[in-house]
Amino acid sequence: MKKGSSTSRRTFLQAVATGAVSSGIAASGLVGRSSWAKEYPPIGTYPAGSSGNSVFIGISVPRTGTYAVQGEDELKGYQLAVEHINAGHPLIKAISPKSGKGVLGKEVKYGVADSAAKPNTAVQAQQRFITENKAVLMTGSTSSAVAVALNKLAQREKVLYAAGISGSNDTTGKDCVRYGVRQCFYGQTAAAAIGPLVVKTFGKGKKAAYLTPDYTYGHTVTKSMEDYLKTAGWTTATNQVAPLGAPDYSSYLLNIANSGADVLLNVNWGHDAVLSTQQAKQFGIFDKMKLVVPYQTPFLAREAGGGLLSGVYAATDFWWTLQDKYPLAKMFVEAFDAKYGYKPEWGANNAYMEFALWADAVERAGTFYPPDVIKVYEDGHKIQSTVGEVYFRAADHQLVRPVIIVRGKKPADMKNKEDFYDVVEVVPGEPLMQKPDAFGCKLGDYT
């Protein structure tokens, strides 16, 4: 309203409440989109973080350490999403129909910190983003230990956290929070998706060996696989648990080689997955048993080299040849490739989608006020994505989305240098998921 108008702000709000404002004004979008159409109490970084012409997002990804390669890919996805959000790119508008340029007309800015996949480092960086930059959103994790730590920070500070890469059941299970959401697949859905194919391929009553990283991701993925395979009469010959960033897997692999297992399920991730797979080959393990990757690592086939993933089944979040099936995947792959010069891995796709889904939630809420944004995440509305139609489950803030099963190609069968996998199956997400309370999720308060 113009300065000096005879109708006061209070009068205007009263008129809105009683329906006295004309339908023409309401239809114009002024009501609900106005910065003062609804007043909220301060919470977290609201309203300070969204009071200017821009909003700030804190990103913490591993740029050093065993998950650094995957962290850099993830970061590129975030950066492309910010560029697209600010430009009002058609891909963002396809995912978030209410989006224009920016989010609610505000430019999105961001800061990046190296978490080194360490929870304390990530928390300290995000706390600075909250204190110094009034971040309205936190994101980034390539370790589920980091995701769980940032969940707790988000709930305490009342600042939204969109998990980056996080495969632990606990992230939206026992460590879930009202202020946290996750869009990627996780241990339970990975096991339920790839388990039937493993049994069909190798048969019932087999023996499995597991190579498990010693933190929440590794333990929950291994347990989910054990639980599923047990239904087909499989037993665990050995579960070798190794620390994150182990430089040498010899002792673990020796135990696996002598275990009598039929199949090795390598749950390791990042450079740990690369190193342990290469060393397993050196130990002659693949002469004795088959390899399965229940939770695929971006760049694993490329980094391991030597065709070590040929014929190997893996569960993943996204593979770039899905562009042949999904129009939005094609838009994403082409935009990413044009900017960075390679086909995106699933970490980059996951990061891009987190930001696009957040933009959609804020635009639908018509405000950055966190409780209202969270309630949009919880309302069950269907969203078009790079893997088809998806939605968030209200009870645990987990995105209901498909899991992609891929099989490694022989080097001779690759059509180009990035053609590492065939997509075997796109498994619908809802039947893969546990009941909402099965993993102990209690979301906590809005305020």
Protein backbone atom coordinates (compact mmCIF):
# COMPACT_ATOMS: atom_id res chain seq x y z
CA MET A 1 0.00 0.00 0.00
CA LYS A 2 1.20 3.48 -0.68
CA LYS A 3 2.71 5.52 2.12
CA GLY A 4 0.14 7.88 3.60
CA SER A 5 -2.85 5.78 2.61
CA SER A 6 -5.89 6.43 4.78
CA THR A 7 -6.29 2.69 5.28
CA SER A 8 -3.91 1.54 7.98
CA ARG A 9 -2.07 -1.76 7.91
CA ARG A 10 -4.16 -2.97 10.84
CA THR A 11 -7.36 -2.04 9.03
CA PHE A 12 -6.19 -3.81 5.91
CA LEU A 13 -5.42 -7.00 7.84
CA GLN A 14 -8.81 -6.85 9.53
CA ALA A 15 -10.41 -6.45 6.14
CA VAL A 16 -8.60 -9.49 4.84
CA ALA A 17 -9.75 -11.51 7.85
CA THR A 18 -13.41 -10.51 7.36
CA GLY A 19 -13.38 -10.89 3.59
CA ALA A 20 -13.91 -7.16 2.98
CA VAL A 21 -10.97 -6.91 0.57
CA SER A 22 -12.10 -7.37 -3.01
CA SER A 23 -11.54 -10.70 -4.72
CA GLY A 24 -9.54 -8.86 -7.36
CA ILE A 25 -6.85 -7.89 -4.82
CA ALA A 26 -6.77 -11.42 -3.42
CA ALA A 27 -6.46 -12.89 -6.88
CA SER A 28 -3.54 -10.59 -7.66
CA GLY A 29 -1.39 -12.56 -5.21
CA LEU A 30 -1.00 -9.62 -2.78
CA VAL A 31 -2.69 -11.55 -0.02
CA GLY A 32 -0.40 -14.30 1.31
CA ARG A 33 2.63 -13.16 -0.72
CA SER A 34 2.88 -9.75 0.97
CA SER A 35 5.71 -9.47 3.47
CA TRP A 36 3.18 -8.31 6.07
CA ALA A 37 0.05 -10.24 5.17
CA LYS A 38 0.74 -12.50 8.15
CA GLU A 39 2.89 -11.78 11.17
CA TYR A 40 5.03 -14.42 12.85
CA PRO A 41 7.09 -14.45 16.04
CA PRO A 42 10.89 -14.60 15.57
CA ILE A 43 12.33 -18.10 15.44
CA GLY A 44 15.76 -19.34 14.43
CA THR A 45 17.12 -16.86 11.90
CA TYR A 46 13.62 -15.67 10.99
CA PRO A 47 12.87 -12.88 10.19
CA ALA A 48 16.43 -11.50 10.11
CA GLY A 49 17.63 -14.02 7.53
CA SER A 50 14.94 -13.15 5.00
CA SER A 51 14.41 -9.44 5.67
CA GLY A 52 16.66 -8.16 2.88
CA ASN A 53 16.86 -8.73 -0.87
CA SER A 54 18.66 -12.07 -0.52
CA VAL A 55 18.73 -15.20 1.61
CA PHE A 56 21.76 -17.29 2.59
CA ILE A 57 22.31 -21.06 2.55
CA GLY A 58 25.14 -22.77 4.44
CA ILE A 59 26.75 -25.68 2.57
CA SER A 60 29.20 -28.05 4.28
CA VAL A 61 30.61 -30.87 2.16
CA PRO A 62 33.84 -32.90 2.38
CA ARG A 63 36.46 -31.32 0.12
CA THR A 64 39.29 -33.26 1.75
CA GLY A 65 39.47 -36.81 3.12
CA THR A 66 38.05 -40.11 1.97
CA TYR A 67 34.76 -38.64 0.67
CA ALA A 68 36.26 -35.59 -1.08
CA VAL A 69 35.61 -36.69 -4.68
CA GLN A 70 31.95 -37.27 -3.91
CA GLY A 71 31.74 -34.03 -1.94
CA GLU A 72 32.95 -31.99 -4.91
CA ASP A 73 30.36 -33.59 -7.18
CA GLU A 74 27.67 -32.87 -4.61
CA LEU A 75 28.82 -29.24 -4.39
CA LYS A 76 28.51 -28.80 -8.15
CA GLY A 77 24.88 -29.91 -7.90
CA TYR A 78 24.19 -27.31 -5.23
CA GLN A 79 25.90 -24.57 -7.23
CA LEU A 80 23.97 -25.37 -10.40
CA ALA A 81 20.71 -25.36 -8.45
CA VAL A 82 21.43 -21.90 -6.99
CA GLU A 83 22.27 -20.59 -10.47
CA HIS A 84 19.03 -22.04 -11.84
CA ILE A 85 16.91 -20.80 -8.93
CA ASN A 86 18.21 -17.25 -9.27
CA ALA A 87 17.68 -17.28 -13.05
CA GLY A 88 14.20 -18.78 -12.94
CA HIS A 89 15.39 -21.73 -15.05
CA PRO A 90 12.69 -23.90 -16.70
CA LEU A 91 13.90 -27.00 -14.82
CA ILE A 92 13.35 -25.32 -11.46
CA LYS A 93 9.92 -24.13 -12.59
CA ALA A 94 9.03 -27.68 -13.61
CA ILE A 95 9.86 -28.90 -10.09
CA SER A 96 8.65 -25.77 -8.27
CA PRO A 97 5.78 -24.33 -10.36
CA LYS A 98 5.38 -21.21 -8.22
CA SER A 99 9.05 -20.20 -8.61
CA GLY A 100 10.11 -17.08 -10.46
CA LYS A 101 13.60 -15.67 -10.15
CA GLY A 102 15.06 -16.41 -6.74
CA VAL A 103 12.94 -17.71 -3.88
CA LEU A 104 9.97 -15.50 -3.09
CA GLY A 105 11.75 -12.96 -5.27
CA LYS A 106 14.93 -13.00 -3.17
CA GLU A 107 18.35 -13.88 -4.57
CA VAL A 108 19.89 -17.02 -3.08
CA LYS A 109 23.47 -16.70 -1.84
CA TYR A 110 25.58 -19.37 -0.20
CA GLY A 111 28.79 -20.16 1.66
CA VAL A 112 30.82 -23.37 1.44
CA ALA A 113 32.79 -25.07 4.21
CA ASP A 114 34.92 -28.21 4.09
CA SER A 115 33.42 -30.69 6.55
CA ALA A 116 36.08 -33.36 5.84
CA ALA A 117 33.18 -35.76 6.63
CA LYS A 118 33.64 -34.93 10.35
CA PRO A 119 30.49 -34.14 12.38
CA ASN A 120 32.11 -31.59 14.71
CA THR A 121 33.70 -29.71 11.82
CA ALA A 122 30.39 -29.57 9.95
CA VAL A 123 28.46 -28.40 13.01
CA GLN A 124 30.97 -25.64 13.76
CA ALA A 125 30.83 -24.40 10.17
CA GLN A 126 27.05 -24.37 10.08
CA GLN A 127 26.86 -22.65 13.45
CA ARG A 128 28.98 -19.86 11.97
CA PHE A 129 26.69 -19.62 8.95
CA ILE A 130 23.72 -19.29 11.29
CA THR A 131 25.34 -16.72 13.57
CA GLU A 132 27.21 -14.63 11.02
CA ASN A 133 25.10 -15.02 7.86
CA LYS A 134 21.64 -15.71 9.29
CA ALA A 135 21.36 -18.84 7.12
CA VAL A 136 17.76 -19.82 6.35
CA LEU A 137 18.80 -23.31 5.24
CA MET A 138 21.66 -25.70 6.00
CA THR A 139 22.68 -28.51 3.72
CA GLY A 140 25.51 -30.85 2.85
CA SER A 141 26.53 -34.18 4.26
CA THR A 142 28.27 -37.04 2.56
CA SER A 143 28.57 -38.94 5.79
CA SER A 144 25.47 -39.92 7.73
CA ALA A 145 27.32 -39.14 10.96
CA VAL A 146 27.44 -35.54 9.73
CA ALA A 147 23.77 -35.65 8.74
CA VAL A 148 22.71 -36.86 12.19
CA ALA A 149 24.80 -34.13 13.87
CA LEU A 150 23.30 -31.45 11.63
CA ASN A 151 19.81 -32.77 12.32
CA LYS A 152 20.40 -32.06 15.99
CA LEU A 153 21.78 -28.60 15.27
CA ALA A 154 18.80 -27.80 13.05
CA GLN A 155 16.28 -28.75 15.72
CA ARG A 156 18.13 -26.83 18.41
CA GLU A 157 18.60 -23.68 16.35
CA LYS A 158 15.24 -23.94 14.54
CA VAL A 159 16.90 -23.61 11.13
CA LEU A 160 15.94 -25.99 8.33
CA TYR A 161 18.39 -28.72 7.34
CA ALA A 162 18.09 -30.57 4.03
CA ALA A 163 20.37 -33.59 4.26
CA GLY A 164 22.78 -34.05 1.37
CA ILE A 165 24.01 -37.61 0.89
CA SER A 166 23.01 -39.78 3.83
CA GLY A 167 22.33 -43.51 3.60
CA SER A 168 21.69 -44.32 7.25
CA ASN A 169 18.24 -45.45 8.32
CA ASP A 170 18.74 -43.31 11.43
CA THR A 171 18.68 -39.96 9.58
CA THR A 172 14.92 -40.15 9.17
CA GLY A 173 14.62 -42.89 11.79
CA LYS A 174 15.63 -42.63 15.43
CA ASP A 175 17.62 -39.42 14.78
CA CYS A 176 14.92 -37.67 12.75
CA VAL A 177 13.92 -34.11 13.63
CA ARG A 178 11.10 -31.74 12.72
CA TYR A 179 13.61 -29.35 11.15
CA GLY A 180 15.30 -31.97 8.95
CA VAL A 181 14.31 -33.50 5.60
CA ARG A 182 15.98 -36.03 3.31
CA GLN A 183 15.41 -36.78 -0.37
CA CYS A 184 17.95 -39.56 -1.11
CA PHE A 185 17.48 -43.32 -0.72
CA TYR A 186 18.83 -45.11 2.36
CA GLY A 187 19.71 -48.51 3.80
CA GLN A 188 16.18 -49.89 4.12
CA THR A 189 15.07 -48.87 0.63
CA ALA A 190 18.38 -49.97 -0.90
CA ALA A 191 18.06 -53.44 0.64
CA ALA A 192 14.40 -53.83 -0.27
CA ALA A 193 15.15 -52.78 -3.86
CA ILE A 194 18.30 -54.78 -4.59
CA GLY A 195 17.59 -57.74 -2.28
CA PRO A 196 15.12 -59.53 -4.60
CA LEU A 197 17.55 -59.22 -7.53
CA VAL A 198 20.42 -60.58 -5.42
CA VAL A 199 18.35 -63.61 -4.43
CA LYS A 200 17.09 -64.15 -7.99
CA THR A 201 20.64 -63.93 -9.37
CA PHE A 202 22.55 -65.98 -6.80
CA GLY A 203 19.84 -68.17 -5.32
CA LYS A 204 18.53 -68.90 -1.83
CA GLY A 205 20.47 -70.15 1.17
CA LYS A 206 23.78 -68.46 0.31
CA LYS A 207 26.49 -67.13 2.60
CA ALA A 208 27.28 -63.42 2.61
CA ALA A 209 30.38 -61.53 3.71
CA TYR A 210 30.05 -57.85 4.56
CA LEU A 211 32.68 -55.11 4.57
CA THR A 212 31.15 -52.41 6.74
CA PRO A 213 32.34 -48.88 7.61
CA ASP A 214 32.15 -48.34 11.36
CA TYR A 215 29.48 -45.64 11.70
CA THR A 216 25.73 -45.22 11.43
CA TYR A 217 25.55 -45.51 7.63
CA GLY A 218 27.52 -48.75 7.48
CA HIS A 219 25.79 -50.44 10.38
CA THR A 220 22.24 -49.67 9.20
CA VAL A 221 22.87 -50.60 5.56
CA THR A 222 24.45 -53.91 6.56
CA LYS A 223 21.62 -54.70 8.98
CA SER A 224 18.99 -53.91 6.35
CA MET A 225 20.70 -56.23 3.85
CA GLU A 226 21.08 -58.99 6.46
CA ASP A 227 17.41 -58.68 7.45
CA TYR A 228 16.23 -58.94 3.86
CA LEU A 229 18.54 -61.79 2.79
CA LYS A 230 17.65 -63.74 5.92
CA THR A 231 14.13 -64.09 4.50
CA ALA A 232 15.67 -66.07 1.62
CA GLY A 233 17.70 -68.31 3.93
CA TRP A 234 20.97 -66.39 3.58
CA THR A 235 23.41 -66.35 6.48
CA THR A 236 26.27 -64.03 7.36
CA ALA A 237 29.63 -65.74 7.03
CA THR A 238 31.46 -62.69 8.38
CA ASN A 239 30.91 -58.98 8.91
CA GLN A 240 34.22 -57.13 8.80
CA VAL A 241 33.88 -53.66 10.34
CA ALA A 242 36.58 -51.15 9.37
CA PRO A 243 37.15 -47.52 10.43
CA LEU A 244 36.38 -44.65 8.07
CA GLY A 245 39.44 -43.85 5.97
CA ALA A 246 41.27 -47.13 6.60
CA PRO A 247 44.48 -47.12 4.52
CA ASP A 248 44.75 -50.90 4.26
CA TYR A 249 42.02 -53.57 4.21
CA SER A 250 44.35 -56.59 4.23
CA SER A 251 43.32 -58.02 7.60
CA TYR A 252 39.61 -57.60 6.87
CA LEU A 253 39.92 -59.07 3.38
CA LEU A 254 41.91 -62.05 4.64
CA ASN A 255 39.04 -62.89 6.98
CA ILE A 256 36.56 -62.49 4.12
CA ALA A 257 38.66 -64.69 1.81
CA ASN A 258 38.66 -67.44 4.43
CA SER A 259 34.98 -67.09 5.37
CA GLY A 260 33.50 -69.43 2.77
CA ALA A 261 31.09 -66.72 1.61
CA ASP A 262 29.44 -66.87 -1.81
CA VAL A 263 28.92 -63.11 -2.14
CA LEU A 264 30.78 -60.06 -0.84
CA LEU A 265 28.57 -57.08 -0.10
CA ASN A 266 30.86 -54.06 0.06
CA VAL A 267 29.08 -51.37 2.04
CA ASN A 268 32.11 -49.05 2.06
CA TRP A 269 31.72 -45.64 0.46
CA GLY A 270 33.87 -42.99 -1.21
CA HIS A 271 37.59 -43.68 -1.52
CA ASP A 272 37.17 -46.48 1.03
CA ALA A 273 34.95 -48.32 -1.46
CA VAL A 274 37.49 -47.81 -4.25
CA LEU A 275 40.46 -48.97 -2.18
CA SER A 276 38.74 -51.98 -0.63
CA THR A 277 37.41 -53.16 -4.02
CA GLN A 278 40.85 -52.88 -5.62
CA GLN A 279 42.47 -54.73 -2.73
CA ALA A 280 39.78 -57.44 -2.81
CA LYS A 281 40.73 -58.07 -6.43
CA GLN A 282 44.41 -58.33 -5.43
CA PHE A 283 43.48 -60.88 -2.74
CA GLY A 284 41.77 -63.03 -5.37
CA ILE A 285 38.43 -62.68 -3.59
CA PHE A 286 36.50 -62.23 -6.84
CA ASP A 287 37.79 -65.61 -8.01
CA LYS A 288 35.90 -67.12 -5.07
CA MET A 289 32.83 -64.95 -4.66
CA LYS A 290 30.66 -62.39 -6.44
CA LEU A 291 30.50 -58.70 -5.56
CA VAL A 292 27.35 -56.69 -4.79
CA VAL A 293 27.29 -52.96 -3.94
CA PRO A 294 24.10 -52.34 -1.92
CA TYR A 295 24.66 -48.57 -1.78
CA GLN A 296 26.53 -47.32 -4.84
CA THR A 297 29.37 -44.81 -4.55
CA PRO A 298 29.51 -42.07 -7.20
CA PHE A 299 32.57 -42.55 -9.46
CA LEU A 300 33.19 -46.05 -8.07
CA ALA A 301 33.42 -47.73 -11.49
CA ARG A 302 35.71 -45.02 -12.83
CA GLU A 303 37.96 -44.81 -9.79
CA ALA A 304 38.27 -48.57 -9.22
CA GLY A 305 39.15 -49.08 -12.89
CA GLY A 306 39.96 -52.34 -14.64
CA GLY A 307 36.33 -53.21 -15.23
CA LEU A 308 36.01 -54.29 -11.58
CA LEU A 309 32.31 -53.36 -11.57
CA SER A 310 31.53 -55.35 -14.75
CA GLY A 311 28.42 -57.42 -14.11
CA VAL A 312 28.12 -56.09 -10.55
CA TYR A 313 24.68 -55.03 -9.32
CA ALA A 314 24.33 -51.82 -7.31
CA ALA A 315 21.53 -49.72 -5.87
CA THR A 316 21.69 -46.00 -6.51
CA ASP A 317 19.75 -42.74 -6.43
CA PHE A 318 20.23 -41.64 -10.05
CA TRP A 319 22.10 -42.58 -13.17
CA TRP A 320 22.49 -40.18 -16.07
CA THR A 321 21.00 -42.49 -18.73
CA LEU A 322 17.65 -42.01 -16.99
CA GLN A 323 17.51 -39.01 -19.31
CA ASP A 324 16.04 -41.48 -21.82
CA LYS A 325 13.10 -42.13 -19.48
CA TYR A 326 12.45 -38.86 -17.65
CA PRO A 327 12.28 -35.43 -19.40
CA LEU A 328 13.45 -33.57 -16.28
CA ALA A 329 16.44 -35.90 -15.98
CA LYS A 330 17.37 -35.02 -19.54
CA MET A 331 17.17 -31.29 -18.74
CA PHE A 332 19.34 -31.78 -15.67
CA VAL A 333 21.98 -33.96 -17.35
CA GLU A 334 22.30 -31.58 -20.30
CA ALA A 335 22.59 -28.48 -18.07
CA PHE A 336 25.13 -30.14 -15.75
CA ASP A 337 27.22 -31.52 -18.61
CA ALA A 338 27.23 -28.14 -20.36
CA LYS A 339 28.48 -26.40 -17.21
CA TYR A 340 30.96 -28.93 -15.82
CA GLY A 341 31.95 -31.09 -18.78
CA TYR A 342 30.92 -34.49 -17.44
CA LYS A 343 27.75 -36.45 -16.79
CA PRO A 344 26.43 -35.90 -13.25
CA GLU A 345 26.72 -38.63 -10.66
CA TRP A 346 23.96 -39.21 -8.14
CA GLY A 347 25.50 -36.94 -5.50
CA ALA A 348 25.15 -33.93 -7.79
CA ASN A 349 21.61 -34.89 -8.73
CA ASN A 350 20.68 -35.37 -5.08
CA ALA A 351 22.08 -31.95 -4.17
CA TYR A 352 20.29 -30.22 -7.02
CA MET A 353 16.98 -31.81 -6.07
CA GLU A 354 17.34 -30.84 -2.39
CA PHE A 355 17.50 -27.17 -3.33
CA ALA A 356 14.73 -27.41 -5.92
CA LEU A 357 12.45 -29.15 -3.41
CA TRP A 358 13.26 -26.52 -0.78
CA ALA A 359 12.42 -23.73 -3.24
CA ASP A 360 9.11 -25.46 -3.94
CA ALA A 361 8.29 -25.72 -0.23
CA VAL A 362 9.08 -22.05 0.47
CA GLU A 363 7.17 -20.84 -2.58
CA ARG A 364 4.13 -22.89 -1.61
CA ALA A 365 4.33 -21.60 1.96
CA GLY A 366 4.62 -18.02 0.72
CA THR A 367 7.04 -17.28 3.55
CA PHE A 368 10.44 -18.27 4.97
CA TYR A 369 8.87 -18.79 8.41
CA PRO A 370 10.23 -22.27 9.21
CA PRO A 371 7.12 -23.92 10.74
CA ASP A 372 5.04 -22.97 7.70
CA VAL A 373 7.71 -24.26 5.31
CA ILE A 374 7.92 -27.54 7.25
CA LYS A 375 4.14 -27.98 7.06
CA VAL A 376 4.35 -27.72 3.27
CA TYR A 377 6.96 -30.51 3.26
CA GLU A 378 4.47 -32.52 5.33
CA ASP A 379 1.33 -31.90 3.26
CA GLY A 380 1.94 -34.79 0.87
CA HIS A 381 1.70 -32.82 -2.36
CA LYS A 382 3.17 -34.56 -5.40
CA ILE A 383 6.26 -33.07 -7.03
CA GLN A 384 7.72 -33.69 -10.47
CA SER A 385 11.39 -34.67 -10.24
CA THR A 386 14.26 -36.09 -12.27
CA VAL A 387 13.07 -39.60 -11.33
CA GLY A 388 9.34 -39.03 -11.77
CA GLU A 389 6.66 -38.05 -9.28
CA VAL A 390 7.76 -37.90 -5.63
CA TYR A 391 6.47 -36.63 -2.29
CA PHE A 392 7.64 -36.27 1.31
CA ARG A 393 6.21 -38.52 4.00
CA ALA A 394 4.84 -36.40 6.85
CA ALA A 395 5.69 -38.86 9.62
CA ASP A 396 9.47 -38.86 9.12
CA HIS A 397 10.29 -36.24 6.44
CA GLN A 398 11.65 -38.88 4.07
CA LEU A 399 11.07 -38.41 0.36
CA VAL A 400 9.11 -41.25 -1.20
CA ARG A 401 11.09 -41.89 -4.38
CA PRO A 402 12.30 -44.79 -6.53
CA VAL A 403 15.57 -46.65 -6.11
CA ILE A 404 17.57 -47.30 -9.27
CA ILE A 405 19.24 -50.69 -9.81
CA VAL A 406 22.23 -50.68 -12.15
CA ARG A 407 24.63 -53.31 -13.44
CA GLY A 408 28.23 -52.54 -14.35
CA LYS A 409 29.17 -52.80 -18.04
CA LYS A 410 32.22 -54.45 -19.51
CA PRO A 411 34.70 -51.86 -20.84
CA ALA A 412 34.23 -53.27 -24.35
CA ASP A 413 30.47 -52.61 -24.13
CA MET A 414 30.74 -48.98 -23.04
CA LYS A 415 29.45 -46.55 -25.67
CA ASN A 416 31.47 -43.67 -24.21
CA LYS A 417 33.89 -43.03 -21.35
CA GLU A 418 31.04 -42.41 -18.87
CA ASP A 419 28.81 -45.32 -19.90
CA PHE A 420 29.63 -47.44 -16.85
CA TYR A 421 26.21 -48.90 -16.05
CA ASP A 422 23.02 -50.26 -17.53
CA VAL A 423 19.86 -49.31 -15.67
CA VAL A 424 18.29 -52.67 -14.81
CA GLU A 425 15.23 -51.51 -12.91
CA VAL A 426 13.55 -48.41 -11.49
CA VAL A 427 11.92 -49.71 -8.30
CA PRO A 428 8.94 -47.67 -6.99
CA GLY A 429 9.70 -46.16 -3.60
CA GLU A 430 6.61 -46.55 -1.45
CA PRO A 431 6.61 -50.38 -1.18
CA LEU A 432 10.31 -50.31 -0.22
CA MET A 433 9.84 -48.17 2.88
CA GLN A 434 9.40 -49.33 6.44
CA LYS A 435 6.35 -48.26 8.44
CA PRO A 436 6.81 -44.64 9.57
CA ASP A 437 7.47 -45.53 13.22
CA ALA A 438 9.57 -48.67 12.60
CA PHE A 439 12.92 -46.92 13.11
CA GLY A 440 11.82 -44.86 16.10
CA CYS A 441 11.26 -41.47 14.46
CA LYS A 442 9.82 -38.78 16.75
CA LEU A 443 10.05 -35.48 14.91
CA GLY A 444 9.84 -33.02 17.81
CA ASP A 445 8.32 -29.55 17.98
CA TYR A 446 7.81 -26.85 15.37
CA THR A 447 8.58 -24.04 17.82
